[in-house]
C-alpha atoms as a PDB file:
ATOM      1  CA  MET A   1       0.000   0.000   0.000  1.00  0.00           C
ATOM      2  CA  ALA A   2       1.363   3.423  -0.968  1.00  0.00           C
ATOM      3  CA  GLU A   3       2.044   5.996   1.726  1.00  0.00           C
ATOM      4  CA  ALA A   4      -0.216   9.024   1.847  1.00  0.00           C
ATOM      5  CA  ARG A   5       1.317  12.203   0.470  1.00  0.00           C
ATOM      6  CA  TYR A   6       1.072  15.334   2.534  1.00  0.00           C
ATOM      7  CA  ALA A   7       0.750  18.709   0.844  1.00  0.00           C
ATOM      8  CA  PRO A   8       2.140  21.790   2.578  1.00  0.00           C
ATOM      9  CA  ARG A   9      -0.499  23.726   4.485  1.00  0.00           C
ATOM     10  CA  LYS A  10      -1.489  27.037   2.975  1.00  0.00           C
ATOM     11  CA  MET A  11      -1.052  29.555   5.737  1.00  0.00           C
ATOM     12  CA  GLU A  12       0.812  32.742   6.480  1.00  0.00           C
ATOM     13  CA  PHE A  13       4.519  32.025   7.090  1.00  0.00           C
ATOM     14  CA  GLU A  14       4.758  33.365  10.652  1.00  0.00           C
ATOM     15  CA  ALA A  15       1.594  31.472  11.652  1.00  0.00           C
ATOM     16  CA  LEU A  16       3.082  28.314  10.141  1.00  0.00           C
ATOM     17  CA  VAL A  17       6.229  28.650  12.246  1.00  0.00           C
ATOM     18  CA  ASP A  18       4.041  29.004  15.348  1.00  0.00           C
ATOM     19  CA  VAL A  19       2.126  25.840  14.384  1.00  0.00           C
ATOM     20  CA  LEU A  20       5.377  23.932  13.786  1.00  0.00           C
ATOM     21  CA  VAL A  21       6.669  24.886  17.237  1.00  0.00           C
ATOM     22  CA  GLU A  22       3.341  23.807  18.785  1.00  0.00           C
ATOM     23  CA  GLU A  23       3.576  20.498  16.939  1.00  0.00           C
ATOM     24  CA  HIS A  24       7.018  19.903  18.418  1.00  0.00           C
ATOM     25  CA  GLU A  25       5.405  20.041  21.854  1.00  0.00           C
ATOM     26  CA  VAL A  26       2.573  17.712  20.786  1.00  0.00           C
ATOM     27  CA  MET A  27       5.119  15.223  19.458  1.00  0.00           C
ATOM     28  CA  ARG A  28       7.366  15.572  22.556  1.00  0.00           C
ATOM     29  CA  GLU A  29       4.365  14.857  24.782  1.00  0.00           C
ATOM     30  CA  GLY A  30       3.359  11.883  22.627  1.00  0.00           C
ATOM     31  CA  LEU A  31       6.856  10.438  22.836  1.00  0.00           C
ATOM     32  CA  ARG A  32       6.816  10.934  26.624  1.00  0.00           C
ATOM     33  CA  ARG A  33       3.477   9.105  26.833  1.00  0.00           C
ATOM     34  CA  ALA A  34       4.802   6.300  24.617  1.00  0.00           C
ATOM     35  CA  GLU A  35       7.859   5.931  26.824  1.00  0.00           C
ATOM     36  CA  ASP A  36       5.715   5.867  29.970  1.00  0.00           C
ATOM     37  CA  SER A  37       3.487   3.238  28.374  1.00  0.00           C
ATOM     38  CA  ALA A  38       6.518   1.153  27.412  1.00  0.00           C
ATOM     39  CA  ASP A  39       7.855   1.422  30.965  1.00  0.00           C
ATOM     40  CA  ARG A  40       4.527   0.016  32.174  1.00  0.00           C
ATOM     41  CA  ARG A  41       4.774  -2.664  29.455  1.00  0.00           C
ATOM     42  CA  ASN A  42       1.570  -1.378  27.865  1.00  0.00           C
ATOM     43  CA  TYR A  43       2.746  -1.977  24.313  1.00  0.00           C
ATOM     44  CA  GLU A  44      -0.721  -1.587  22.789  1.00  0.00           C
ATOM     45  CA  ALA A  45      -0.709   2.003  24.055  1.00  0.00           C
ATOM     46  CA  VAL A  46       2.770   2.561  22.576  1.00  0.00           C
ATOM     47  CA  VAL A  47       1.533   1.417  19.170  1.00  0.00           C
ATOM     48  CA  SER A  48      -1.589   3.576  19.429  1.00  0.00           C
ATOM     49  CA  ILE A  49       0.350   6.688  20.433  1.00  0.00           C
ATOM     50  CA  MET A  50       2.971   6.234  17.726  1.00  0.00           C
ATOM     51  CA  ARG A  51       0.295   5.739  15.078  1.00  0.00           C
ATOM     52  CA  LYS A  52      -1.371   8.984  16.168  1.00  0.00           C
ATOM     53  CA  LEU A  53       1.962  10.827  15.918  1.00  0.00           C
ATOM     54  CA  GLU A  54       2.705   9.500  12.425  1.00  0.00           C
ATOM     55  CA  PRO A  55       0.388  11.814  10.425  1.00  0.00           C
ATOM     56  CA  ILE A  56       1.349  14.825  12.552  1.00  0.00           C
ATOM     57  CA  PHE A  57       5.036  14.191  11.903  1.00  0.00           C
ATOM     58  CA  ARG A  58       4.555  13.584   8.188  1.00  0.00           C
ATOM     59  CA  GLN A  59       2.522  16.785   7.732  1.00  0.00           C
ATOM     60  CA  HIS A  60       5.129  18.622   9.787  1.00  0.00           C
ATOM     61  CA  ILE A  61       7.925  17.395   7.486  1.00  0.00           C
ATOM     62  CA  ALA A  62       5.947  18.390   4.380  1.00  0.00           C
ATOM     63  CA  ASP A  63       5.552  21.938   5.696  1.00  0.00           C
ATOM     64  CA  GLU A  64       9.122  22.347   6.907  1.00  0.00           C
ATOM     65  CA  GLU A  65      10.750  21.049   3.765  1.00  0.00           C
ATOM     66  CA  ALA A  66       8.405  22.762   1.291  1.00  0.00           C
ATOM     67  CA  GLN A  67       8.209  26.120   3.013  1.00  0.00           C
ATOM     68  CA  ILE A  68      10.937  26.685   5.612  1.00  0.00           C
ATOM     69  CA  LEU A  69      13.738  24.969   3.734  1.00  0.00           C
ATOM     70  CA  ARG A  70      12.608  26.330   0.369  1.00  0.00           C
ATOM     71  CA  LEU A  71      12.757  29.886   1.746  1.00  0.00           C
ATOM     72  CA  LEU A  72      16.210  29.395   3.265  1.00  0.00           C
ATOM     73  CA  ILE A  73      17.690  27.801   0.142  1.00  0.00           C
ATOM     74  CA  GLY A  74      16.040  30.446  -2.035  1.00  0.00           C
ATOM     75  CA  GLU A  75      17.499  33.257   0.029  1.00  0.00           C
ATOM     76  CA  LEU A  76      20.849  31.753   1.034  1.00  0.00           C
ATOM     77  CA  GLY A  77      21.571  29.100  -1.573  1.00  0.00           C
ATOM     78  CA  VAL A  78      22.418  25.503  -0.767  1.00  0.00           C
ATOM     79  CA  LYS A  79      25.849  26.431   0.614  1.00  0.00           C
ATOM     80  CA  GLY A  80      24.428  29.154   2.857  1.00  0.00           C
ATOM     81  CA  ALA A  81      21.721  26.846   4.219  1.00  0.00           C
ATOM     82  CA  GLU A  82      23.996  23.842   4.867  1.00  0.00           C
ATOM     83  CA  GLU A  83      23.290  23.752   8.609  1.00  0.00           C
ATOM     84  CA  GLU A  84      19.522  23.871   8.096  1.00  0.00           C
ATOM     85  CA  ILE A  85      19.710  21.176   5.416  1.00  0.00           C
ATOM     86  CA  ALA A  86      21.614  18.959   7.873  1.00  0.00           C
ATOM     87  CA  VAL A  87      18.905  19.484  10.501  1.00  0.00           C
ATOM     88  CA  PHE A  88      16.167  18.599   8.021  1.00  0.00           C
ATOM     89  CA  GLN A  89      18.078  15.491   6.927  1.00  0.00           C
ATOM     90  CA  GLN A  90      17.290  14.149  10.407  1.00  0.00           C
ATOM     91  CA  HIS A  91      13.610  13.825   9.431  1.00  0.00           C
ATOM     92  CA  ARG A  92      14.057  10.465   7.740  1.00  0.00           C
ATOM     93  CA  PRO A  93      16.002   8.757  10.551  1.00  0.00           C
ATOM     94  CA  ILE A  94      13.487  10.098  13.083  1.00  0.00           C
ATOM     95  CA  HIS A  95      10.599   8.812  10.983  1.00  0.00           C
ATOM     96  CA  ARG A  96      12.288   5.432  10.577  1.00  0.00           C
ATOM     97  CA  LEU A  97      12.889   5.189  14.334  1.00  0.00           C
ATOM     98  CA  MET A  98       9.221   6.008  14.926  1.00  0.00           C
ATOM     99  CA  GLN A  99       8.305   3.097  12.646  1.00  0.00           C
ATOM    100  CA  ILE A 100      10.767   0.769  14.390  1.00  0.00           C
ATOM    101  CA  VAL A 101       9.425   1.702  17.839  1.00  0.00           C
ATOM    102  CA  THR A 102       5.891   1.018  16.607  1.00  0.00           C
ATOM    103  CA  GLU A 103       6.936  -2.367  15.191  1.00  0.00           C
ATOM    104  CA  LEU A 104       8.951  -3.374  18.248  1.00  0.00           C
ATOM    105  CA  ALA A 105       6.174  -2.468  20.664  1.00  0.00           C
ATOM    106  CA  SER A 106       4.596  -5.792  19.816  1.00  0.00           C
ATOM    107  CA  LYS A 107       7.850  -7.790  19.744  1.00  0.00           C
ATOM    108  CA  SER A 108      10.878  -7.134  21.947  1.00  0.00           C
ATOM    109  CA  ALA A 109      10.950  -5.033  25.104  1.00  0.00           C
ATOM    110  CA  VAL A 110      14.773  -4.843  25.116  1.00  0.00           C
ATOM    111  CA  GLU A 111      15.031  -3.617  21.519  1.00  0.00           C
ATOM    112  CA  LEU A 112      12.110  -1.260  22.046  1.00  0.00           C
ATOM    113  CA  GLU A 113      13.794   0.372  25.022  1.00  0.00           C
ATOM    114  CA  ALA A 114      17.056   0.973  23.137  1.00  0.00           C
ATOM    115  CA  ASP A 115      15.392   2.328  19.993  1.00  0.00           C
ATOM    116  CA  GLN A 116      12.961   4.453  21.949  1.00  0.00           C
ATOM    117  CA  ALA A 117      15.822   6.029  23.886  1.00  0.00           C
ATOM    118  CA  ARG A 118      17.604   6.795  20.599  1.00  0.00           C
ATOM    119  CA  LEU A 119      14.386   8.232  19.129  1.00  0.00           C
ATOM    120  CA  ASP A 120      13.906  10.476  22.158  1.00  0.00           C
ATOM    121  CA  GLU A 121      17.514  11.685  21.973  1.00  0.00           C
ATOM    122  CA  LEU A 122      17.434  12.344  18.229  1.00  0.00           C
ATOM    123  CA  PHE A 123      14.036  14.064  18.389  1.00  0.00           C
ATOM    124  CA  SER A 124      15.197  16.298  21.258  1.00  0.00           C
ATOM    125  CA  GLU A 125      18.351  17.325  19.383  1.00  0.00           C
ATOM    126  CA  HIS A 126      16.363  17.894  16.212  1.00  0.00           C
ATOM    127  CA  THR A 127      13.640  20.077  17.719  1.00  0.00           C
ATOM    128  CA  ALA A 128      16.206  22.089  19.694  1.00  0.00           C
ATOM    129  CA  ALA A 129      18.089  22.809  16.461  1.00  0.00           C
ATOM    130  CA  GLU A 130      14.906  23.782  14.619  1.00  0.00           C
ATOM    131  CA  GLU A 131      13.569  26.014  17.374  1.00  0.00           C
ATOM    132  CA  GLY A 132      16.918  27.495  18.355  1.00  0.00           C
ATOM    133  CA  SER A 133      18.433  28.058  14.930  1.00  0.00           C
ATOM    134  CA  VAL A 134      16.448  27.052  11.851  1.00  0.00           C
ATOM    135  CA  PHE A 135      13.120  28.727  12.618  1.00  0.00           C
ATOM    136  CA  PRO A 136      14.658  32.008  13.853  1.00  0.00           C
ATOM    137  CA  ARG A 137      16.859  32.180  10.758  1.00  0.00           C
ATOM    138  CA  ALA A 138      13.889  31.434   8.490  1.00  0.00           C
ATOM    139  CA  MET A 139      11.869  34.157  10.229  1.00  0.00           C
ATOM    140  CA  SER A 140      14.721  36.648   9.702  1.00  0.00           C
ATOM    141  CA  CYS A 141      14.884  35.713   6.024  1.00  0.00           C
ATOM    142  CA  TYR A 142      11.127  35.945   5.661  1.00  0.00           C
ATOM    143  CA  ARG A 143      10.961  39.344   7.366  1.00  0.00           C
ATOM    144  CA  GLY A 144      13.939  40.627   5.371  1.00  0.00           C
ATOM    145  CA  LYS A 145      12.373  39.416   2.140  1.00  0.00           C
ATOM    146  CA  THR A 146       8.946  40.907   2.859  1.00  0.00           C
ATOM    147  CA  LYS A 147      10.459  44.281   3.778  1.00  0.00           C
ATOM    148  CA  GLY A 148      12.568  44.462   0.638  1.00  0.00           C
ATOM    149  CA  GLY A 149      15.738  43.606   2.506  1.00  0.00           C
ATOM    150  CA  VAL A 150      17.935  40.583   2.401  1.00  0.00           C
ATOM    151  CA  CYS A 151      18.288  37.402   4.359  1.00  0.00           C
ATOM    152  CA  PRO A 152      21.065  37.629   6.970  1.00  0.00           C
ATOM    153  CA  SER A 153      23.881  35.230   6.101  1.00  0.00           C
ATOM    154  CA  THR A 154      24.580  34.318   9.737  1.00  0.00           C
END
């Protein structure tokens, strides 16, 4: 069965950034709940939580890559947006770990614990980079572009 494709949401850029930050918190909370459920050996709950996070994460990726990254590359070029590109390249390993955690929730508690810990670590690093660097830089570029200025290079 083919995976559903997610189109970028049509919304004002600054509002989109706010939504993306809110979604980070929703996903953080979901991962915390999944970890708590795994600790209690409630693997059905882990699967349910991870399946609910899946469409949120996939829509989130569609928006970030189509709108945030497109703006940064358009304003800075590929070389100037290298750091942001590296952050966004984490999307696929995070998504794959989410799938592995979902699969393992019905199989092996030991493997689940190790992969879930790695998922939590990678997701925390990723969202910190987006919120601390990528989104602020994209907002600066967006504001510079809309006011006839330029995107700051650093």
